[in-house]
N, C-alpha and C. Protein backbone atom coordinates (compact mmCIF):
# COMPACT_ATOMS: atom_id res chain seq x y z
N MET A 1 38.16 159.93 121.59
CA MET A 1 38.74 160.83 122.57
C MET A 1 39.68 161.84 121.92
N SER A 2 40.49 161.42 120.98
CA SER A 2 41.47 162.33 120.38
C SER A 2 40.80 163.45 119.60
N LYS A 3 39.67 163.16 118.95
CA LYS A 3 38.94 164.21 118.24
C LYS A 3 38.44 165.24 119.25
N ASN A 4 37.96 164.78 120.38
CA ASN A 4 37.50 165.70 121.42
C ASN A 4 38.64 166.57 121.93
N CYS A 5 39.82 166.00 122.06
CA CYS A 5 40.99 166.77 122.50
C CYS A 5 41.28 167.88 121.50
N VAL A 6 41.33 167.55 120.22
CA VAL A 6 41.62 168.54 119.18
C VAL A 6 40.57 169.64 119.17
N TYR A 7 39.31 169.28 119.16
CA TYR A 7 38.23 170.27 119.10
C TYR A 7 38.20 171.13 120.36
N SER A 8 38.43 170.52 121.51
CA SER A 8 38.43 171.25 122.77
C SER A 8 39.56 172.29 122.80
N LEU A 9 40.75 171.89 122.40
CA LEU A 9 41.88 172.83 122.38
C LEU A 9 41.66 173.93 121.34
N LEU A 10 41.12 173.56 120.21
CA LEU A 10 40.90 174.55 119.14
C LEU A 10 39.96 175.66 119.60
N LYS A 11 38.99 175.32 120.42
CA LYS A 11 38.06 176.33 120.95
C LYS A 11 38.77 177.33 121.86
N LYS A 12 39.96 176.98 122.36
CA LYS A 12 40.70 177.85 123.26
C LYS A 12 41.60 178.86 122.54
N VAL A 13 41.73 178.73 121.22
CA VAL A 13 42.57 179.67 120.47
C VAL A 13 41.84 181.01 120.43
N PRO A 14 42.43 182.04 121.01
CA PRO A 14 41.73 183.33 121.09
C PRO A 14 41.65 184.05 119.74
N LYS A 15 40.74 184.99 119.68
CA LYS A 15 40.62 185.83 118.49
C LYS A 15 41.96 186.53 118.25
N GLY A 16 42.37 186.59 117.00
CA GLY A 16 43.63 187.23 116.67
C GLY A 16 44.83 186.30 116.71
N LYS A 17 44.58 185.02 116.96
CA LYS A 17 45.65 184.02 116.99
C LYS A 17 45.27 182.83 116.12
N VAL A 18 46.28 182.09 115.71
CA VAL A 18 46.08 180.85 114.96
C VAL A 18 46.91 179.77 115.63
N THR A 19 46.66 178.54 115.25
CA THR A 19 47.51 177.44 115.67
C THR A 19 47.82 176.61 114.43
N THR A 20 48.64 175.61 114.59
CA THR A 20 49.02 174.78 113.45
C THR A 20 48.55 173.35 113.68
N TYR A 21 48.50 172.60 112.58
CA TYR A 21 48.18 171.18 112.69
C TYR A 21 49.19 170.51 113.62
N LYS A 22 50.45 170.90 113.50
CA LYS A 22 51.53 170.32 114.30
C LYS A 22 51.34 170.62 115.79
N GLU A 23 51.00 171.86 116.14
CA GLU A 23 50.79 172.23 117.55
C GLU A 23 49.63 171.44 118.16
N LEU A 24 48.52 171.36 117.43
CA LEU A 24 47.38 170.59 117.93
C LEU A 24 47.74 169.12 118.08
N ALA A 25 48.45 168.60 117.08
CA ALA A 25 48.84 167.18 117.12
C ALA A 25 49.73 166.89 118.32
N LYS A 26 50.72 167.76 118.54
CA LYS A 26 51.64 167.58 119.66
C LYS A 26 50.89 167.61 120.99
N ALA A 27 49.97 168.54 121.13
CA ALA A 27 49.22 168.70 122.38
C ALA A 27 48.30 167.51 122.66
N CYS A 28 47.84 166.85 121.59
CA CYS A 28 46.92 165.72 121.76
C CYS A 28 47.56 164.36 121.52
N GLY A 29 48.86 164.35 121.23
CA GLY A 29 49.55 163.08 121.01
C GLY A 29 49.16 162.40 119.72
N LEU A 30 48.97 163.19 118.67
CA LEU A 30 48.54 162.67 117.37
C LEU A 30 49.52 163.05 116.27
N HIS A 31 49.27 162.54 115.09
CA HIS A 31 50.02 162.95 113.90
C HIS A 31 49.27 164.15 113.29
N PRO A 32 50.01 165.13 112.76
CA PRO A 32 49.35 166.30 112.16
C PRO A 32 48.31 165.96 111.08
N ARG A 33 48.52 164.89 110.35
CA ARG A 33 47.53 164.52 109.32
C ARG A 33 46.20 164.07 109.92
N VAL A 34 46.27 163.51 111.11
CA VAL A 34 45.03 163.13 111.81
C VAL A 34 44.27 164.40 112.19
N VAL A 35 44.99 165.41 112.63
CA VAL A 35 44.36 166.70 112.95
C VAL A 35 43.70 167.26 111.69
N GLY A 36 44.39 167.18 110.56
CA GLY A 36 43.81 167.63 109.29
C GLY A 36 42.53 166.90 108.96
N MET A 37 42.49 165.59 109.21
CA MET A 37 41.29 164.81 108.96
C MET A 37 40.14 165.31 109.85
N PHE A 38 40.46 165.60 111.12
CA PHE A 38 39.43 166.10 112.03
C PHE A 38 38.91 167.46 111.57
N MET A 39 39.77 168.28 110.99
CA MET A 39 39.33 169.57 110.47
C MET A 39 38.37 169.36 109.29
N ARG A 40 38.70 168.39 108.43
CA ARG A 40 37.85 168.11 107.26
C ARG A 40 36.46 167.60 107.65
N ILE A 41 36.38 166.83 108.74
CA ILE A 41 35.09 166.25 109.12
C ILE A 41 34.34 167.08 110.15
N ASN A 42 34.87 168.25 110.47
CA ASN A 42 34.23 169.13 111.44
C ASN A 42 32.82 169.49 110.98
N GLN A 43 31.84 169.07 111.73
CA GLN A 43 30.44 169.32 111.39
C GLN A 43 29.91 170.62 111.99
N ASP A 44 30.72 171.30 112.79
CA ASP A 44 30.26 172.49 113.51
C ASP A 44 31.30 173.62 113.44
N PRO A 45 31.60 174.11 112.23
CA PRO A 45 32.64 175.14 112.10
C PRO A 45 32.31 176.46 112.79
N GLU A 46 31.06 176.68 113.12
CA GLU A 46 30.68 177.90 113.85
C GLU A 46 31.21 177.88 115.28
N ASN A 47 31.23 176.69 115.88
CA ASN A 47 31.68 176.55 117.27
C ASN A 47 33.07 175.94 117.41
N ILE A 48 33.52 175.25 116.38
CA ILE A 48 34.86 174.67 116.36
C ILE A 48 35.59 175.36 115.21
N PRO A 49 36.33 176.43 115.51
CA PRO A 49 36.87 177.32 114.48
C PRO A 49 38.08 176.75 113.73
N CYS A 50 37.81 175.78 112.86
CA CYS A 50 38.90 175.12 112.14
C CYS A 50 39.63 176.06 111.18
N TYR A 51 39.05 177.22 110.88
CA TYR A 51 39.73 178.18 110.02
C TYR A 51 41.00 178.73 110.69
N LYS A 52 41.13 178.54 112.01
CA LYS A 52 42.28 179.05 112.75
C LYS A 52 43.48 178.09 112.70
N VAL A 53 43.34 176.97 112.00
CA VAL A 53 44.42 176.00 111.91
C VAL A 53 45.13 176.18 110.56
N ILE A 54 46.46 176.38 110.65
CA ILE A 54 47.24 176.61 109.44
C ILE A 54 48.46 175.67 109.43
N HIS A 55 49.20 175.69 108.34
CA HIS A 55 50.41 174.87 108.23
C HIS A 55 51.52 175.45 109.11
N SER A 56 52.44 174.61 109.51
CA SER A 56 53.51 175.06 110.41
C SER A 56 54.53 175.98 109.76
N ASP A 57 54.43 176.16 108.44
CA ASP A 57 55.29 177.14 107.76
C ASP A 57 54.56 178.46 107.52
N GLY A 58 53.35 178.58 108.08
CA GLY A 58 52.58 179.81 107.96
C GLY A 58 51.61 179.87 106.80
N ARG A 59 51.64 178.84 105.92
CA ARG A 59 50.68 178.82 104.81
C ARG A 59 49.27 178.65 105.36
N VAL A 60 48.33 179.31 104.70
CA VAL A 60 46.94 179.29 105.15
C VAL A 60 46.32 177.90 105.03
N GLY A 61 46.52 177.22 103.92
CA GLY A 61 45.95 175.89 103.72
C GLY A 61 44.50 175.94 103.31
N GLY A 62 43.87 174.79 103.27
CA GLY A 62 42.49 174.66 102.80
C GLY A 62 41.45 174.92 103.87
N TYR A 63 40.21 174.92 103.41
CA TYR A 63 39.07 175.15 104.30
C TYR A 63 37.83 174.62 103.61
N SER A 64 36.94 174.03 104.37
CA SER A 64 35.74 173.41 103.79
C SER A 64 34.86 174.39 103.03
N LYS A 65 34.90 175.65 103.42
CA LYS A 65 34.08 176.66 102.75
C LYS A 65 34.89 177.48 101.74
N GLY A 66 36.11 177.00 101.44
CA GLY A 66 36.96 177.65 100.47
C GLY A 66 38.04 178.50 101.12
N VAL A 67 39.20 178.56 100.47
CA VAL A 67 40.33 179.31 101.01
C VAL A 67 40.00 180.79 101.14
N GLU A 68 39.24 181.33 100.19
CA GLU A 68 38.87 182.74 100.26
C GLU A 68 38.10 183.05 101.53
N LYS A 69 37.19 182.15 101.89
CA LYS A 69 36.41 182.33 103.12
C LYS A 69 37.31 182.23 104.35
N LYS A 70 38.26 181.31 104.33
CA LYS A 70 39.19 181.16 105.44
C LYS A 70 40.00 182.45 105.62
N ILE A 71 40.50 183.00 104.53
CA ILE A 71 41.26 184.24 104.59
C ILE A 71 40.39 185.38 105.11
N GLU A 72 39.14 185.42 104.65
CA GLU A 72 38.20 186.46 105.12
C GLU A 72 38.01 186.36 106.64
N LEU A 73 37.81 185.15 107.15
CA LEU A 73 37.61 184.96 108.59
C LEU A 73 38.86 185.32 109.39
N LEU A 74 40.02 184.93 108.88
CA LEU A 74 41.27 185.26 109.56
C LEU A 74 41.49 186.76 109.60
N LYS A 75 41.24 187.44 108.50
CA LYS A 75 41.39 188.90 108.46
C LYS A 75 40.40 189.58 109.39
N LYS A 76 39.20 189.02 109.47
CA LYS A 76 38.18 189.56 110.37
C LYS A 76 38.65 189.47 111.83
N ASP A 77 39.44 188.43 112.13
CA ASP A 77 40.02 188.26 113.47
C ASP A 77 41.23 189.17 113.69
N GLY A 78 41.64 189.92 112.66
CA GLY A 78 42.76 190.84 112.81
C GLY A 78 44.10 190.26 112.42
N ILE A 79 44.09 189.14 111.74
CA ILE A 79 45.33 188.47 111.34
C ILE A 79 45.76 188.94 109.96
N GLU A 80 47.01 189.38 109.85
CA GLU A 80 47.55 189.84 108.57
C GLU A 80 48.06 188.64 107.78
N ILE A 81 47.76 188.65 106.49
CA ILE A 81 48.22 187.59 105.61
C ILE A 81 49.00 188.25 104.47
N LYS A 82 50.26 187.85 104.34
CA LYS A 82 51.11 188.40 103.28
C LYS A 82 51.67 187.24 102.47
N ASN A 83 51.48 187.31 101.15
CA ASN A 83 51.96 186.25 100.25
C ASN A 83 51.42 184.88 100.67
N SER A 84 50.14 184.85 101.03
CA SER A 84 49.45 183.62 101.45
C SER A 84 50.05 182.98 102.70
N ARG A 85 50.74 183.77 103.51
CA ARG A 85 51.33 183.26 104.74
C ARG A 85 51.00 184.17 105.93
N ILE A 86 51.05 183.54 107.10
CA ILE A 86 50.80 184.25 108.35
C ILE A 86 52.09 184.22 109.16
N ASN A 87 52.44 185.34 109.75
CA ASN A 87 53.64 185.46 110.58
C ASN A 87 53.39 184.72 111.90
N LEU A 88 53.98 183.54 112.02
CA LEU A 88 53.76 182.73 113.22
C LEU A 88 54.40 183.33 114.47
N LYS A 89 55.45 184.11 114.31
CA LYS A 89 56.07 184.75 115.48
C LYS A 89 55.08 185.72 116.13
N LYS A 90 54.22 186.29 115.32
CA LYS A 90 53.25 187.27 115.81
C LYS A 90 51.91 186.64 116.20
N TYR A 91 51.46 185.65 115.46
CA TYR A 91 50.08 185.16 115.61
C TYR A 91 49.92 183.74 116.16
N LEU A 92 51.01 183.01 116.35
CA LEU A 92 50.87 181.60 116.78
C LEU A 92 50.45 181.49 118.23
N PHE A 93 49.44 180.66 118.48
CA PHE A 93 49.00 180.31 119.83
C PHE A 93 49.49 178.89 120.12
N LYS A 94 50.24 178.74 121.20
CA LYS A 94 50.74 177.42 121.59
C LYS A 94 49.97 176.94 122.82
N PHE A 95 49.84 175.64 122.91
CA PHE A 95 49.12 175.04 124.04
C PHE A 95 50.08 174.63 125.13
C-alpha cells in the first residue's frame, strides 16, 4: 500500500515542479529512505516520474538512467538548476 501511495502522489506533481523524498515520506507516513527505495525499484519511469524527486536541501540526487538524464528531464520541465541544486522556494510541490 505505501508504494502505491508514493507512486500515486508522485504522478500528481505538475510539470515545472519537484518534490522531495521527505515530502513524499511525510504525506505517506514513511521514512524518506523508504521513498528512495521505491524510486530505485520503479519499473515504470515513463508514468511514475521519479526524476521529479530530489533531496530536501535542493540537491538533484541520483537517477536510474543517470544524473545527466535526470537533469535533462528537469530542465525540459522548465526547472533551473544552479550548482547542482534546485531552488525549492520556487519549484517545490507540497502535498
